[in-house]
Every structure is written in structure tokens, then in C-alpha cells.
Amino acid sequence: MPKVQTPRCLVCNETSVVELEDDEYKALGKDMLIQHALPNRDADFRELIMTGSHPKCWNKMFSDEE
């Protein structure tokens, strides 16, 4: 299984390493939307790969609390 390092999260400044299936890894190398390349992965996982944003950090960025 290929491992991919994500970009740095804008909130916590950490990177992550995620494992992909071989076909997912190949699909990411093609010029297609991520939801088409990884249709069986949830939106949180796809966001992590695209922007490095962890689910808890994403919620922190876009929460209504101040």
C-alpha cells in the first residue's frame, strides 16, 4: 500500500501520512476530481489529502464559536 504525506494543516501545522490502495494512488495521479479518484473515501479523508486539514482542525476553523 502506498503511503502519502499530506500538506501541513493550517491550524495545527502538522502533517499526516495516509495509506492508499494501489488503484487510489494511481487515480490521484490522473487529472480528475478527488471525489472521482477516491469515491469510496469520506469527505474528511479527501480533505486531509488535499489540504492537510484534520477533521477536528476543520471544525475549529469553521465553528460558530468565538
N, C-alpha and C. Protein backbone atom coordinates (compact mmCIF):
# COMPACT_ATOMS: atom_id res chain seq x y z
N MET A 1 0.84 -1.19 0.00
CA MET A 1 0.00 0.00 0.00
C MET A 1 0.88 1.24 0.00
N PRO A 2 0.67 2.13 -0.96
CA PRO A 2 1.43 3.38 -0.98
C PRO A 2 1.04 4.28 0.19
N LYS A 3 2.02 4.99 0.70
CA LYS A 3 1.79 5.97 1.75
C LYS A 3 2.02 7.35 1.17
N VAL A 4 1.16 8.29 1.55
CA VAL A 4 1.23 9.65 1.03
C VAL A 4 1.28 10.62 2.21
N GLN A 5 2.21 11.56 2.16
CA GLN A 5 2.26 12.60 3.18
C GLN A 5 1.38 13.75 2.75
N THR A 6 0.58 14.26 3.68
CA THR A 6 -0.33 15.35 3.39
C THR A 6 0.37 16.69 3.54
N PRO A 7 -0.23 17.75 3.00
CA PRO A 7 0.29 19.09 3.28
C PRO A 7 0.15 19.40 4.77
N ARG A 8 0.80 20.47 5.22
CA ARG A 8 0.68 20.89 6.61
C ARG A 8 -0.71 21.47 6.86
N CYS A 9 -1.28 21.10 7.99
CA CYS A 9 -2.57 21.62 8.42
C CYS A 9 -2.39 23.09 8.78
N LEU A 10 -3.30 23.94 8.35
CA LEU A 10 -3.22 25.36 8.64
C LEU A 10 -3.48 25.69 10.10
N VAL A 11 -4.15 24.80 10.81
CA VAL A 11 -4.47 25.05 12.22
C VAL A 11 -3.38 24.55 13.15
N CYS A 12 -3.02 23.28 13.03
CA CYS A 12 -2.06 22.69 13.97
C CYS A 12 -0.64 22.58 13.40
N ASN A 13 -0.48 22.87 12.13
CA ASN A 13 0.83 22.87 11.46
C ASN A 13 1.47 21.48 11.39
N GLU A 14 0.69 20.44 11.54
CA GLU A 14 1.18 19.06 11.47
C GLU A 14 0.86 18.46 10.10
N THR A 15 1.67 17.50 9.70
CA THR A 15 1.38 16.71 8.51
C THR A 15 0.89 15.34 8.96
N SER A 16 0.31 14.62 8.06
CA SER A 16 -0.14 13.25 8.32
C SER A 16 0.39 12.35 7.21
N VAL A 17 0.42 11.08 7.47
CA VAL A 17 0.74 10.09 6.46
C VAL A 17 -0.45 9.15 6.37
N VAL A 18 -0.98 9.00 5.17
CA VAL A 18 -2.14 8.14 4.96
C VAL A 18 -1.78 7.02 3.99
N GLU A 19 -2.41 5.89 4.16
CA GLU A 19 -2.22 4.75 3.26
C GLU A 19 -3.35 4.71 2.25
N LEU A 20 -2.98 4.47 1.02
CA LEU A 20 -3.95 4.36 -0.06
C LEU A 20 -3.85 2.98 -0.70
N GLU A 21 -4.93 2.55 -1.30
CA GLU A 21 -4.90 1.35 -2.11
C GLU A 21 -4.14 1.69 -3.40
N ASP A 22 -3.59 0.70 -4.05
CA ASP A 22 -2.83 0.94 -5.28
C ASP A 22 -3.66 1.68 -6.33
N ASP A 23 -4.91 1.26 -6.50
CA ASP A 23 -5.76 1.90 -7.51
C ASP A 23 -6.10 3.35 -7.13
N GLU A 24 -6.22 3.63 -5.83
CA GLU A 24 -6.47 5.00 -5.39
C GLU A 24 -5.26 5.89 -5.68
N TYR A 25 -4.08 5.36 -5.40
CA TYR A 25 -2.85 6.10 -5.64
C TYR A 25 -2.70 6.42 -7.12
N LYS A 26 -2.98 5.45 -7.97
CA LYS A 26 -2.90 5.68 -9.42
C LYS A 26 -3.93 6.70 -9.88
N ALA A 27 -5.14 6.62 -9.31
CA ALA A 27 -6.20 7.54 -9.69
C ALA A 27 -5.86 8.98 -9.31
N LEU A 28 -5.17 9.16 -8.19
CA LEU A 28 -4.78 10.51 -7.78
C LEU A 28 -3.79 11.14 -8.75
N GLY A 29 -3.03 10.32 -9.45
CA GLY A 29 -2.07 10.83 -10.42
C GLY A 29 -2.71 11.28 -11.72
N LYS A 30 -3.96 10.95 -11.90
CA LYS A 30 -4.67 11.36 -13.11
C LYS A 30 -5.34 12.71 -12.89
N ASP A 31 -5.69 13.35 -13.96
CA ASP A 31 -6.32 14.67 -13.89
C ASP A 31 -7.83 14.51 -13.70
N MET A 32 -8.23 14.24 -12.43
CA MET A 32 -9.65 14.09 -12.15
C MET A 32 -9.96 14.66 -10.77
N LEU A 33 -11.21 14.95 -10.54
CA LEU A 33 -11.63 15.44 -9.22
C LEU A 33 -11.38 14.38 -8.17
N ILE A 34 -11.02 14.81 -6.96
CA ILE A 34 -10.67 13.86 -5.92
C ILE A 34 -11.84 12.96 -5.56
N GLN A 35 -13.07 13.47 -5.61
CA GLN A 35 -14.22 12.63 -5.29
C GLN A 35 -14.43 11.53 -6.33
N HIS A 36 -13.88 11.73 -7.53
CA HIS A 36 -13.94 10.68 -8.55
C HIS A 36 -12.75 9.73 -8.40
N ALA A 37 -11.62 10.27 -7.97
CA ALA A 37 -10.43 9.43 -7.77
C ALA A 37 -10.58 8.54 -6.55
N LEU A 38 -11.25 9.04 -5.51
CA LEU A 38 -11.42 8.30 -4.25
C LEU A 38 -12.89 8.25 -3.85
N PRO A 39 -13.73 7.62 -4.68
CA PRO A 39 -15.17 7.65 -4.40
C PRO A 39 -15.59 6.90 -3.14
N ASN A 40 -14.77 5.96 -2.69
CA ASN A 40 -15.14 5.18 -1.51
C ASN A 40 -14.61 5.76 -0.20
N ARG A 41 -13.95 6.91 -0.27
CA ARG A 41 -13.43 7.57 0.92
C ARG A 41 -14.35 8.72 1.31
N ASP A 42 -14.44 8.97 2.62
CA ASP A 42 -15.32 10.05 3.06
C ASP A 42 -14.68 11.42 2.81
N ALA A 43 -15.51 12.45 2.93
CA ALA A 43 -15.06 13.81 2.64
C ALA A 43 -13.93 14.25 3.57
N ASP A 44 -13.95 13.82 4.83
CA ASP A 44 -12.88 14.18 5.76
C ASP A 44 -11.52 13.65 5.28
N PHE A 45 -11.50 12.42 4.80
CA PHE A 45 -10.26 11.81 4.31
C PHE A 45 -9.76 12.54 3.07
N ARG A 46 -10.67 12.85 2.17
CA ARG A 46 -10.28 13.55 0.95
C ARG A 46 -9.77 14.96 1.26
N GLU A 47 -10.39 15.63 2.22
CA GLU A 47 -9.93 16.96 2.62
C GLU A 47 -8.53 16.89 3.23
N LEU A 48 -8.29 15.87 4.02
CA LEU A 48 -6.97 15.68 4.62
C LEU A 48 -5.90 15.54 3.54
N ILE A 49 -6.19 14.78 2.51
CA ILE A 49 -5.23 14.60 1.42
C ILE A 49 -5.03 15.90 0.63
N MET A 50 -6.10 16.63 0.38
CA MET A 50 -5.99 17.85 -0.44
C MET A 50 -5.33 19.01 0.30
N THR A 51 -5.75 19.25 1.54
CA THR A 51 -5.33 20.46 2.24
C THR A 51 -4.54 20.21 3.51
N GLY A 52 -4.54 18.96 4.00
CA GLY A 52 -3.87 18.66 5.26
C GLY A 52 -4.73 18.94 6.47
N SER A 53 -5.95 19.41 6.27
CA SER A 53 -6.83 19.76 7.38
C SER A 53 -7.40 18.51 8.04
N HIS A 54 -7.11 18.35 9.33
CA HIS A 54 -7.68 17.25 10.10
C HIS A 54 -9.14 17.58 10.42
N PRO A 55 -9.99 16.58 10.61
CA PRO A 55 -11.39 16.86 10.91
C PRO A 55 -11.58 17.80 12.10
N LYS A 56 -10.84 17.57 13.20
CA LYS A 56 -11.01 18.44 14.37
C LYS A 56 -10.52 19.85 14.07
N CYS A 57 -9.49 19.98 13.27
CA CYS A 57 -8.98 21.31 12.90
C CYS A 57 -9.95 22.01 11.97
N TRP A 58 -10.53 21.26 11.05
CA TRP A 58 -11.54 21.82 10.13
C TRP A 58 -12.70 22.37 10.93
N ASN A 59 -13.16 21.59 11.91
CA ASN A 59 -14.27 22.05 12.75
C ASN A 59 -13.89 23.29 13.54
N LYS A 60 -12.66 23.35 13.99
CA LYS A 60 -12.18 24.52 14.73
C LYS A 60 -12.16 25.75 13.83
N MET A 61 -11.73 25.59 12.58
CA MET A 61 -11.67 26.71 11.65
C MET A 61 -13.04 27.27 11.32
N PHE A 62 -14.02 26.37 11.23
CA PHE A 62 -15.34 26.78 10.75
C PHE A 62 -16.44 26.68 11.79
N SER A 63 -16.07 26.65 13.06
CA SER A 63 -17.10 26.62 14.11
C SER A 63 -17.67 28.02 14.27
N ASP A 64 -18.88 28.09 14.78
CA ASP A 64 -19.54 29.37 15.01
C ASP A 64 -19.10 30.00 16.33
N GLU A 65 -18.37 29.25 17.14
CA GLU A 65 -17.95 29.76 18.43
C GLU A 65 -16.79 30.73 18.25
N GLU A 66 -16.74 31.72 19.09
CA GLU A 66 -15.62 32.66 19.06
C GLU A 66 -14.96 32.74 20.39
